[in-house]
């Protein structure tokens, strides 16, 4: 499980990306790269990293569910994810 500070840092980046999205778009369309350089670094969407919503795990992230593979397996086995069943043949 990731430390709370790491999860908080990622949330802060997401908020900053959302805050500056319109401004970044306008500066890019105008071709004002000097203005883009003056924006905070964390305002760039490239700096975001997908993390599990429940544990904060950065690896093994499943986009469709928004959680890591480990959490997905636990929840699927417990029947907490609708429409997901254990394979058997």
C-alpha atoms as a PDB file:
ATOM      1  CA  UNK A   1       0.000   0.000   0.000  1.00  0.00           C
ATOM      2  CA  UNK A   2       1.352   3.410  -0.958  1.00  0.00           C
ATOM      3  CA  UNK A   3       2.035   6.041   1.655  1.00  0.00           C
ATOM      4  CA  UNK A   4      -0.655   8.667   2.122  1.00  0.00           C
ATOM      5  CA  UNK A   5       1.765  11.417   1.093  1.00  0.00           C
ATOM      6  CA  UNK A   6       2.324   9.734  -2.286  1.00  0.00           C
ATOM      7  CA  UNK A   7      -1.409   9.413  -2.886  1.00  0.00           C
ATOM      8  CA  UNK A   8      -1.938  13.035  -1.832  1.00  0.00           C
ATOM      9  CA  UNK A   9       0.805  14.215  -4.191  1.00  0.00           C
ATOM     10  CA  UNK A  10      -0.878  12.431  -7.093  1.00  0.00           C
ATOM     11  CA  UNK A  11      -4.272  13.949  -6.220  1.00  0.00           C
ATOM     12  CA  UNK A  12      -2.644  17.383  -6.082  1.00  0.00           C
ATOM     13  CA  UNK A  13      -1.208  16.846  -9.575  1.00  0.00           C
ATOM     14  CA  UNK A  14      -4.632  15.828 -10.914  1.00  0.00           C
ATOM     15  CA  UNK A  15      -6.204  18.980  -9.498  1.00  0.00           C
ATOM     16  CA  UNK A  16      -3.467  21.163 -10.980  1.00  0.00           C
ATOM     17  CA  UNK A  17      -3.811  19.553 -14.419  1.00  0.00           C
ATOM     18  CA  UNK A  18      -7.565  20.222 -14.337  1.00  0.00           C
ATOM     19  CA  UNK A  19      -7.024  23.798 -13.138  1.00  0.00           C
ATOM     20  CA  UNK A  20      -4.614  24.738 -15.945  1.00  0.00           C
ATOM     21  CA  UNK A  21      -6.151  22.655 -18.772  1.00  0.00           C
ATOM     22  CA  UNK A  22      -7.901  25.551 -20.504  1.00  0.00           C
ATOM     23  CA  UNK A  23      -4.917  27.863 -20.156  1.00  0.00           C
ATOM     24  CA  UNK A  24      -2.544  25.203 -21.527  1.00  0.00           C
ATOM     25  CA  UNK A  25      -4.828  24.595 -24.484  1.00  0.00           C
ATOM     26  CA  UNK A  26      -5.038  28.305 -25.311  1.00  0.00           C
ATOM     27  CA  UNK A  27      -1.253  28.761 -25.041  1.00  0.00           C
ATOM     28  CA  UNK A  28      -0.605  25.734 -27.259  1.00  0.00           C
ATOM     29  CA  UNK A  29      -3.013  26.962 -29.934  1.00  0.00           C
ATOM     30  CA  UNK A  30      -1.358  30.396 -29.863  1.00  0.00           C
ATOM     31  CA  UNK A  31       2.086  28.780 -30.066  1.00  0.00           C
ATOM     32  CA  UNK A  32       3.231  30.632 -26.949  1.00  0.00           C
ATOM     33  CA  UNK A  33       5.857  28.211 -25.646  1.00  0.00           C
ATOM     34  CA  UNK A  34       7.396  30.809 -23.355  1.00  0.00           C
ATOM     35  CA  UNK A  35       4.032  31.130 -21.618  1.00  0.00           C
ATOM     36  CA  UNK A  36       3.804  27.346 -21.350  1.00  0.00           C
ATOM     37  CA  UNK A  37       7.227  27.277 -19.702  1.00  0.00           C
ATOM     38  CA  UNK A  38       5.994  29.666 -17.024  1.00  0.00           C
ATOM     39  CA  UNK A  39       3.174  27.335 -15.945  1.00  0.00           C
ATOM     40  CA  UNK A  40       3.877  24.991 -13.023  1.00  0.00           C
ATOM     41  CA  UNK A  41       5.498  21.702 -14.002  1.00  0.00           C
ATOM     42  CA  UNK A  42       2.745  19.666 -12.368  1.00  0.00           C
ATOM     43  CA  UNK A  43       0.201  21.356 -14.649  1.00  0.00           C
ATOM     44  CA  UNK A  44       1.337  19.069 -17.453  1.00  0.00           C
ATOM     45  CA  UNK A  45      -0.812  15.932 -17.918  1.00  0.00           C
ATOM     46  CA  UNK A  46       2.319  13.960 -18.830  1.00  0.00           C
ATOM     47  CA  UNK A  47       3.368  14.030 -15.165  1.00  0.00           C
ATOM     48  CA  UNK A  48       0.270  12.117 -14.034  1.00  0.00           C
ATOM     49  CA  UNK A  49       0.633   8.444 -13.207  1.00  0.00           C
ATOM     50  CA  UNK A  50      -2.218   5.964 -12.948  1.00  0.00           C
ATOM     51  CA  UNK A  51      -2.604   4.576  -9.439  1.00  0.00           C
ATOM     52  CA  UNK A  52      -5.021   2.162  -7.807  1.00  0.00           C
ATOM     53  CA  UNK A  53      -7.883   4.133  -6.229  1.00  0.00           C
ATOM     54  CA  UNK A  54      -7.979   1.906  -3.172  1.00  0.00           C
ATOM     55  CA  UNK A  55      -4.352   1.109  -2.389  1.00  0.00           C
ATOM     56  CA  UNK A  56      -2.372   3.647  -4.428  1.00  0.00           C
ATOM     57  CA  UNK A  57      -0.310   0.919  -6.098  1.00  0.00           C
ATOM     58  CA  UNK A  58       1.393   2.372  -9.212  1.00  0.00           C
ATOM     59  CA  UNK A  59       2.062  -0.892 -11.055  1.00  0.00           C
ATOM     60  CA  UNK A  60      -0.358  -3.406 -12.503  1.00  0.00           C
ATOM     61  CA  UNK A  61      -3.061  -0.751 -12.983  1.00  0.00           C
ATOM     62  CA  UNK A  62      -6.190  -1.820 -14.893  1.00  0.00           C
ATOM     63  CA  UNK A  63      -7.706   1.205 -16.649  1.00  0.00           C
ATOM     64  CA  UNK A  64     -11.124  -0.315 -17.170  1.00  0.00           C
ATOM     65  CA  UNK A  65     -11.650  -0.715 -13.418  1.00  0.00           C
ATOM     66  CA  UNK A  66      -9.308   1.959 -12.018  1.00  0.00           C
ATOM     67  CA  UNK A  67      -7.668  -0.464  -9.591  1.00  0.00           C
ATOM     68  CA  UNK A  68      -4.532  -2.599  -9.482  1.00  0.00           C
ATOM     69  CA  UNK A  69      -4.448  -6.244 -10.520  1.00  0.00           C
ATOM     70  CA  UNK A  70      -3.975  -7.377  -6.915  1.00  0.00           C
ATOM     71  CA  UNK A  71      -7.025  -5.453  -5.670  1.00  0.00           C
ATOM     72  CA  UNK A  72      -8.987  -6.581  -8.727  1.00  0.00           C
ATOM     73  CA  UNK A  73      -8.268 -10.238  -7.987  1.00  0.00           C
ATOM     74  CA  UNK A  74      -9.285  -9.895  -4.337  1.00  0.00           C
ATOM     75  CA  UNK A  75     -12.511  -8.072  -5.187  1.00  0.00           C
ATOM     76  CA  UNK A  76     -13.405 -10.400  -8.071  1.00  0.00           C
ATOM     77  CA  UNK A  77     -12.929 -13.462  -5.870  1.00  0.00           C
ATOM     78  CA  UNK A  78     -15.149 -11.902  -3.207  1.00  0.00           C
ATOM     79  CA  UNK A  79     -17.801 -11.119  -5.850  1.00  0.00           C
ATOM     80  CA  UNK A  80     -17.587  -7.353  -5.353  1.00  0.00           C
ATOM     81  CA  UNK A  81     -17.157  -6.486  -9.037  1.00  0.00           C
ATOM     82  CA  UNK A  82     -20.396  -6.903 -11.035  1.00  0.00           C
ATOM     83  CA  UNK A  83     -20.161  -8.985 -14.193  1.00  0.00           C
ATOM     84  CA  UNK A  84     -16.791 -10.527 -13.338  1.00  0.00           C
ATOM     85  CA  UNK A  85     -16.681 -14.244 -12.671  1.00  0.00           C
ATOM     86  CA  UNK A  86     -13.834 -16.664 -12.147  1.00  0.00           C
ATOM     87  CA  UNK A  87     -13.033 -18.616 -15.303  1.00  0.00           C
ATOM     88  CA  UNK A  88     -13.621 -22.350 -15.296  1.00  0.00           C
ATOM     89  CA  UNK A  89     -13.553 -24.825 -18.165  1.00  0.00           C
END
